Amino acid sequence: MLHEWIPRELAFLDAHVPTLFLAFLLAAGAIWLLDKWLAAWNLYDLVWYPALLRVALFFSLFSVFGLMVY
């Protein structure tokens, strides 16, 4: 499984940060790309509240990446 080879903490500039920080950055990058794609195709016109969709997609992706780590 994936969580067997991922360490619980990473050394970043001599500071130990949790691996979820890496999952957070990965989710933020994925949401940024997805946001650009959704805006280019005008798919935000189909939802009631685009900011709520962005937050929900971010937390969903972050949860998936976090579950892959732990």
PDB file of N, CA and C in Angstrom:
ATOM      1  N   MET A   1       0.826  -1.181   0.000  1.00  0.00           N
ATOM      2  CA  MET A   1       0.000   0.000   0.000  1.00  0.00           C
ATOM      3  C   MET A   1       0.874   1.250   0.000  1.00  0.00           C
ATOM      4  N   LEU A   2       0.237   2.353  -0.336  1.00  0.00           N
ATOM      5  CA  LEU A   2       0.954   3.610  -0.456  1.00  0.00           C
ATOM      6  C   LEU A   2       1.461   4.115   0.881  1.00  0.00           C
ATOM      7  N   HIS A   3       0.695   3.927   1.944  1.00  0.00           N
ATOM      8  CA  HIS A   3       1.084   4.487   3.238  1.00  0.00           C
ATOM      9  C   HIS A   3       2.253   3.754   3.885  1.00  0.00           C
ATOM     10  N   GLU A   4       2.693   2.641   3.335  1.00  0.00           N
ATOM     11  CA  GLU A   4       3.803   1.903   3.922  1.00  0.00           C
ATOM     12  C   GLU A   4       5.148   2.559   3.646  1.00  0.00           C
ATOM     13  N   TRP A   5       5.274   3.313   2.581  1.00  0.00           N
ATOM     14  CA  TRP A   5       6.563   3.916   2.244  1.00  0.00           C
ATOM     15  C   TRP A   5       6.578   5.429   2.391  1.00  0.00           C
ATOM     16  N   ILE A   6       5.464   6.038   2.807  1.00  0.00           N
ATOM     17  CA  ILE A   6       5.435   7.478   3.033  1.00  0.00           C
ATOM     18  C   ILE A   6       5.714   7.744   4.505  1.00  0.00           C
ATOM     19  N   PRO A   7       6.725   8.565   4.820  1.00  0.00           N
ATOM     20  CA  PRO A   7       7.016   8.850   6.231  1.00  0.00           C
ATOM     21  C   PRO A   7       5.935   9.735   6.843  1.00  0.00           C
ATOM     22  N   ARG A   8       5.823   9.669   8.167  1.00  0.00           N
ATOM     23  CA  ARG A   8       4.823  10.487   8.867  1.00  0.00           C
ATOM     24  C   ARG A   8       5.214  11.952   8.908  1.00  0.00           C
ATOM     25  N   GLU A   9       6.501  12.237   8.880  1.00  0.00           N
ATOM     26  CA  GLU A   9       6.981  13.611   8.911  1.00  0.00           C
ATOM     27  C   GLU A   9       8.043  13.795   7.834  1.00  0.00           C
ATOM     28  N   LEU A  10       8.093  15.005   7.307  1.00  0.00           N
ATOM     29  CA  LEU A  10       9.094  15.354   6.311  1.00  0.00           C
ATOM     30  C   LEU A  10       9.959  16.477   6.865  1.00  0.00           C
ATOM     31  N   ALA A  11      11.235  16.465   6.536  1.00  0.00           N
ATOM     32  CA  ALA A  11      12.126  17.547   6.937  1.00  0.00           C
ATOM     33  C   ALA A  11      12.109  18.608   5.846  1.00  0.00           C
ATOM     34  N   PHE A  12      11.644  19.794   6.198  1.00  0.00           N
ATOM     35  CA  PHE A  12      11.551  20.896   5.256  1.00  0.00           C
ATOM     36  C   PHE A  12      12.234  22.107   5.873  1.00  0.00           C
ATOM     37  N   LEU A  13      13.411  22.471   5.348  1.00  0.00           N
ATOM     38  CA  LEU A  13      14.213  23.572   5.875  1.00  0.00           C
ATOM     39  C   LEU A  13      14.494  23.386   7.368  1.00  0.00           C
ATOM     40  N   ASP A  14      14.925  22.197   7.725  1.00  0.00           N
ATOM     41  CA  ASP A  14      15.257  21.816   9.104  1.00  0.00           C
ATOM     42  C   ASP A  14      14.076  21.890  10.059  1.00  0.00           C
ATOM     43  N   ALA A  15      12.879  21.835   9.540  1.00  0.00           N
ATOM     44  CA  ALA A  15      11.676  21.784  10.371  1.00  0.00           C
ATOM     45  C   ALA A  15      10.883  20.551   9.958  1.00  0.00           C
ATOM     46  N   HIS A  16      10.393  19.843  10.919  1.00  0.00           N
ATOM     47  CA  HIS A  16       9.594  18.657  10.631  1.00  0.00           C
ATOM     48  C   HIS A  16       8.143  19.077  10.415  1.00  0.00           C
ATOM     49  N   VAL A  17       7.624  18.770   9.244  1.00  0.00           N
ATOM     50  CA  VAL A  17       6.237  19.065   8.920  1.00  0.00           C
ATOM     51  C   VAL A  17       5.517  17.747   8.660  1.00  0.00           C
ATOM     52  N   PRO A  18       4.241  17.685   8.986  1.00  0.00           N
ATOM     53  CA  PRO A  18       3.512  16.439   8.726  1.00  0.00           C
ATOM     54  C   PRO A  18       3.366  16.180   7.231  1.00  0.00           C
ATOM     55  N   THR A  19       3.170  14.942   6.891  1.00  0.00           N
ATOM     56  CA  THR A  19       3.021  14.566   5.494  1.00  0.00           C
ATOM     57  C   THR A  19       1.743  15.153   4.906  1.00  0.00           C
ATOM     58  N   LEU A  20       0.784  15.482   5.768  1.00  0.00           N
ATOM     59  CA  LEU A  20      -0.436  16.106   5.276  1.00  0.00           C
ATOM     60  C   LEU A  20      -0.172  17.463   4.645  1.00  0.00           C
ATOM     61  N   PHE A  21       0.946  18.096   5.001  1.00  0.00           N
ATOM     62  CA  PHE A  21       1.311  19.354   4.353  1.00  0.00           C
ATOM     63  C   PHE A  21       1.572  19.121   2.867  1.00  0.00           C
ATOM     64  N   LEU A  22       2.218  18.022   2.547  1.00  0.00           N
ATOM     65  CA  LEU A  22       2.438  17.666   1.145  1.00  0.00           C
ATOM     66  C   LEU A  22       1.112  17.367   0.451  1.00  0.00           C
ATOM     67  N   ALA A  23       0.207  16.690   1.140  1.00  0.00           N
ATOM     68  CA  ALA A  23      -1.114  16.420   0.575  1.00  0.00           C
ATOM     69  C   ALA A  23      -1.883  17.717   0.366  1.00  0.00           C
ATOM     70  N   PHE A  24      -1.719  18.674   1.295  1.00  0.00           N
ATOM     71  CA  PHE A  24      -2.365  19.982   1.166  1.00  0.00           C
ATOM     72  C   PHE A  24      -1.863  20.717  -0.077  1.00  0.00           C
ATOM     73  N   LEU A  25      -0.549  20.722  -0.276  1.00  0.00           N
ATOM     74  CA  LEU A  25       0.018  21.398  -1.442  1.00  0.00           C
ATOM     75  C   LEU A  25      -0.403  20.719  -2.743  1.00  0.00           C
ATOM     76  N   LEU A  26      -0.458  19.404  -2.727  1.00  0.00           N
ATOM     77  CA  LEU A  26      -0.888  18.667  -3.915  1.00  0.00           C
ATOM     78  C   LEU A  26      -2.354  18.951  -4.230  1.00  0.00           C
ATOM     79  N   ALA A  27      -3.192  18.984  -3.212  1.00  0.00           N
ATOM     80  CA  ALA A  27      -4.608  19.292  -3.423  1.00  0.00           C
ATOM     81  C   ALA A  27      -4.792  20.726  -3.896  1.00  0.00           C
ATOM     82  N   ALA A  28      -4.007  21.654  -3.352  1.00  0.00           N
ATOM     83  CA  ALA A  28      -4.114  23.054  -3.778  1.00  0.00           C
ATOM     84  C   ALA A  28      -3.715  23.211  -5.245  1.00  0.00           C
ATOM     85  N   GLY A  29      -2.664  22.522  -5.656  1.00  0.00           N
ATOM     86  CA  GLY A  29      -2.258  22.576  -7.062  1.00  0.00           C
ATOM     87  C   GLY A  29      -3.288  21.944  -7.980  1.00  0.00           C
ATOM     88  N   ALA A  30      -3.857  20.833  -7.563  1.00  0.00           N
ATOM     89  CA  ALA A  30      -4.869  20.164  -8.385  1.00  0.00           C
ATOM     90  C   ALA A  30      -6.126  21.017  -8.499  1.00  0.00           C
ATOM     91  N   ILE A  31      -6.515  21.670  -7.413  1.00  0.00           N
ATOM     92  CA  ILE A  31      -7.700  22.523  -7.451  1.00  0.00           C
ATOM     93  C   ILE A  31      -7.440  23.758  -8.310  1.00  0.00           C
ATOM     94  N   TRP A  32      -6.225  24.268  -8.269  1.00  0.00           N
ATOM     95  CA  TRP A  32      -5.900  25.429  -9.105  1.00  0.00           C
ATOM     96  C   TRP A  32      -6.056  25.071 -10.581  1.00  0.00           C
ATOM     97  N   LEU A  33      -5.536  23.908 -10.976  1.00  0.00           N
ATOM     98  CA  LEU A  33      -5.677  23.466 -12.367  1.00  0.00           C
ATOM     99  C   LEU A  33      -7.135  23.182 -12.730  1.00  0.00           C
ATOM    100  N   LEU A  34      -7.845  22.531 -11.825  1.00  0.00           N
ATOM    101  CA  LEU A  34      -9.256  22.222 -12.059  1.00  0.00           C
ATOM    102  C   LEU A  34     -10.081  23.502 -12.150  1.00  0.00           C
ATOM    103  N   ASP A  35      -9.738  24.493 -11.325  1.00  0.00           N
ATOM    104  CA  ASP A  35     -10.442  25.772 -11.349  1.00  0.00           C
ATOM    105  C   ASP A  35     -10.248  26.481 -12.690  1.00  0.00           C
ATOM    106  N   LYS A  36      -9.023  26.454 -13.196  1.00  0.00           N
ATOM    107  CA  LYS A  36      -8.761  27.059 -14.502  1.00  0.00           C
ATOM    108  C   LYS A  36      -9.543  26.354 -15.611  1.00  0.00           C
ATOM    109  N   TRP A  37      -9.623  25.041 -15.518  1.00  0.00           N
ATOM    110  CA  TRP A  37     -10.355  24.269 -16.527  1.00  0.00           C
ATOM    111  C   TRP A  37     -11.853  24.540 -16.449  1.00  0.00           C
ATOM    112  N   LEU A  38     -12.405  24.577 -15.233  1.00  0.00           N
ATOM    113  CA  LEU A  38     -13.831  24.842 -15.077  1.00  0.00           C
ATOM    114  C   LEU A  38     -14.188  26.261 -15.524  1.00  0.00           C
ATOM    115  N   ALA A  39     -13.303  27.211 -15.264  1.00  0.00           N
ATOM    116  CA  ALA A  39     -13.559  28.587 -15.693  1.00  0.00           C
ATOM    117  C   ALA A  39     -13.446  28.730 -17.211  1.00  0.00           C
ATOM    118  N   ALA A  40     -12.521  28.012 -17.812  1.00  0.00           N
ATOM    119  CA  ALA A  40     -12.357  28.097 -19.262  1.00  0.00           C
ATOM    120  C   ALA A  40     -13.568  27.532 -20.003  1.00  0.00           C
ATOM    121  N   TRP A  41     -14.188  26.526 -19.438  1.00  0.00           N
ATOM    122  CA  TRP A  41     -15.349  25.906 -20.067  1.00  0.00           C
ATOM    123  C   TRP A  41     -16.667  26.513 -19.580  1.00  0.00           C
ATOM    124  N   ASN A  42     -16.591  27.581 -18.781  1.00  0.00           N
ATOM    125  CA  ASN A  42     -17.776  28.270 -18.250  1.00  0.00           C
ATOM    126  C   ASN A  42     -18.717  27.339 -17.491  1.00  0.00           C
ATOM    127  N   LEU A  43     -18.155  26.370 -16.804  1.00  0.00           N
ATOM    128  CA  LEU A  43     -18.985  25.440 -16.039  1.00  0.00           C
ATOM    129  C   LEU A  43     -19.425  26.015 -14.700  1.00  0.00           C
ATOM    130  N   TYR A  44     -18.827  27.127 -14.297  1.00  0.00           N
ATOM    131  CA  TYR A  44     -19.260  27.772 -13.066  1.00  0.00           C
ATOM    132  C   TYR A  44     -20.617  28.452 -13.238  1.00  0.00           C
ATOM    133  N   ASP A  45     -21.045  28.645 -14.460  1.00  0.00           N
ATOM    134  CA  ASP A  45     -22.370  29.209 -14.695  1.00  0.00           C
ATOM    135  C   ASP A  45     -23.480  28.224 -14.348  1.00  0.00           C
ATOM    136  N   LEU A  46     -23.136  26.956 -14.232  1.00  0.00           N
ATOM    137  CA  LEU A  46     -24.136  25.926 -13.959  1.00  0.00           C
ATOM    138  C   LEU A  46     -24.353  25.674 -12.466  1.00  0.00           C
ATOM    139  N   VAL A  47     -23.525  26.256 -11.620  1.00  0.00           N
ATOM    140  CA  VAL A  47     -23.656  26.026 -10.183  1.00  0.00           C
ATOM    141  C   VAL A  47     -24.200  27.278  -9.513  1.00  0.00           C
ATOM    142  N   TRP A  48     -24.822  27.072  -8.364  1.00  0.00           N
ATOM    143  CA  TRP A  48     -25.456  28.160  -7.647  1.00  0.00           C
ATOM    144  C   TRP A  48     -24.439  29.088  -6.992  1.00  0.00           C
ATOM    145  N   TYR A  49     -23.399  28.512  -6.410  1.00  0.00           N
ATOM    146  CA  TYR A  49     -22.421  29.301  -5.661  1.00  0.00           C
ATOM    147  C   TYR A  49     -21.032  28.751  -5.970  1.00  0.00           C
ATOM    148  N   PRO A  50     -20.308  29.338  -6.916  1.00  0.00           N
ATOM    149  CA  PRO A  50     -19.019  28.798  -7.361  1.00  0.00           C
ATOM    150  C   PRO A  50     -17.966  28.702  -6.252  1.00  0.00           C
ATOM    151  N   ALA A  51     -17.946  29.647  -5.320  1.00  0.00           N
ATOM    152  CA  ALA A  51     -16.950  29.589  -4.248  1.00  0.00           C
ATOM    153  C   ALA A  51     -17.175  28.368  -3.357  1.00  0.00           C
ATOM    154  N   LEU A  52     -18.431  28.033  -3.117  1.00  0.00           N
ATOM    155  CA  LEU A  52     -18.742  26.853  -2.321  1.00  0.00           C
ATOM    156  C   LEU A  52     -18.309  25.573  -3.036  1.00  0.00           C
ATOM    157  N   LEU A  53     -18.467  25.546  -4.347  1.00  0.00           N
ATOM    158  CA  LEU A  53     -18.003  24.396  -5.126  1.00  0.00           C
ATOM    159  C   LEU A  53     -16.492  24.266  -5.048  1.00  0.00           C
ATOM    160  N   ARG A  54     -15.776  25.390  -5.132  1.00  0.00           N
ATOM    161  CA  ARG A  54     -14.312  25.345  -5.031  1.00  0.00           C
ATOM    162  C   ARG A  54     -13.864  24.782  -3.686  1.00  0.00           C
ATOM    163  N   VAL A  55     -14.492  25.241  -2.615  1.00  0.00           N
ATOM    164  CA  VAL A  55     -14.122  24.768  -1.268  1.00  0.00           C
ATOM    165  C   VAL A  55     -14.462  23.291  -1.113  1.00  0.00           C
ATOM    166  N   ALA A  56     -15.624  22.882  -1.602  1.00  0.00           N
ATOM    167  CA  ALA A  56     -16.022  21.477  -1.493  1.00  0.00           C
ATOM    168  C   ALA A  56     -15.085  20.567  -2.292  1.00  0.00           C
ATOM    169  N   LEU A  57     -14.700  21.007  -3.485  1.00  0.00           N
ATOM    170  CA  LEU A  57     -13.764  20.205  -4.281  1.00  0.00           C
ATOM    171  C   LEU A  57     -12.400  20.120  -3.609  1.00  0.00           C
ATOM    172  N   PHE A  58     -11.955  21.234  -3.015  1.00  0.00           N
ATOM    173  CA  PHE A  58     -10.663  21.213  -2.331  1.00  0.00           C
ATOM    174  C   PHE A  58     -10.684  20.240  -1.156  1.00  0.00           C
ATOM    175  N   PHE A  59     -11.701  20.329  -0.316  1.00  0.00           N
ATOM    176  CA  PHE A  59     -11.748  19.445   0.846  1.00  0.00           C
ATOM    177  C   PHE A  59     -11.931  17.986   0.443  1.00  0.00           C
ATOM    178  N   SER A  60     -12.638  17.754  -0.642  1.00  0.00           N
ATOM    179  CA  SER A  60     -12.774  16.372  -1.119  1.00  0.00           C
ATOM    180  C   SER A  60     -11.436  15.817  -1.591  1.00  0.00           C
ATOM    181  N   LEU A  61     -10.714  16.590  -2.389  1.00  0.00           N
ATOM    182  CA  LEU A  61      -9.403  16.129  -2.860  1.00  0.00           C
ATOM    183  C   LEU A  61      -8.398  16.010  -1.724  1.00  0.00           C
ATOM    184  N   PHE A  62      -8.417  16.971  -0.808  1.00  0.00           N
ATOM    185  CA  PHE A  62      -7.503  16.916   0.328  1.00  0.00           C
ATOM    186  C   PHE A  62      -7.794  15.699   1.199  1.00  0.00           C
ATOM    187  N   SER A  63      -9.061  15.363   1.365  1.00  0.00           N
ATOM    188  CA  SER A  63      -9.426  14.179   2.133  1.00  0.00           C
ATOM    189  C   SER A  63      -8.951  12.896   1.448  1.00  0.00           C
ATOM    190  N   VAL A  64      -9.090  12.838   0.141  1.00  0.00           N
ATOM    191  CA  VAL A  64      -8.631  11.655  -0.597  1.00  0.00           C
ATOM    192  C   VAL A  64      -7.126  11.509  -0.482  1.00  0.00           C
ATOM    193  N   PHE A  65      -6.390  12.621  -0.662  1.00  0.00           N
ATOM    194  CA  PHE A  65      -4.933  12.561  -0.553  1.00  0.00           C
ATOM    195  C   PHE A  65      -4.512  12.244   0.882  1.00  0.00           C
ATOM    196  N   GLY A  66      -5.228  12.777   1.858  1.00  0.00           N
ATOM    197  CA  GLY A  66      -4.912  12.484   3.260  1.00  0.00           C
ATOM    198  C   GLY A  66      -5.156  11.033   3.607  1.00  0.00           C
ATOM    199  N   LEU A  67      -6.215  10.453   3.071  1.00  0.00           N
ATOM    200  CA  LEU A  67      -6.495   9.038   3.316  1.00  0.00           C
ATOM    201  C   LEU A  67      -5.466   8.143   2.624  1.00  0.00           C
ATOM    202  N   MET A  68      -4.906   8.623   1.518  1.00  0.00           N
ATOM    203  CA  MET A  68      -3.859   7.846   0.868  1.00  0.00           C
ATOM    204  C   MET A  68      -2.583   7.821   1.711  1.00  0.00           C
ATOM    205  N   VAL A  69      -2.354   8.880   2.478  1.00  0.00           N
ATOM    206  CA  VAL A  69      -1.160   8.940   3.322  1.00  0.00           C
ATOM    207  C   VAL A  69      -1.344   8.091   4.577  1.00  0.00           C
ATOM    208  N   TYR A  70      -2.462   8.263   5.230  1.00  0.00           N
ATOM    209  CA  TYR A  70      -2.696   7.539   6.482  1.00  0.00           C
ATOM    210  C   TYR A  70      -3.592   6.376   6.210  1.00  0.00           C
TER     211      TYR A  70
END
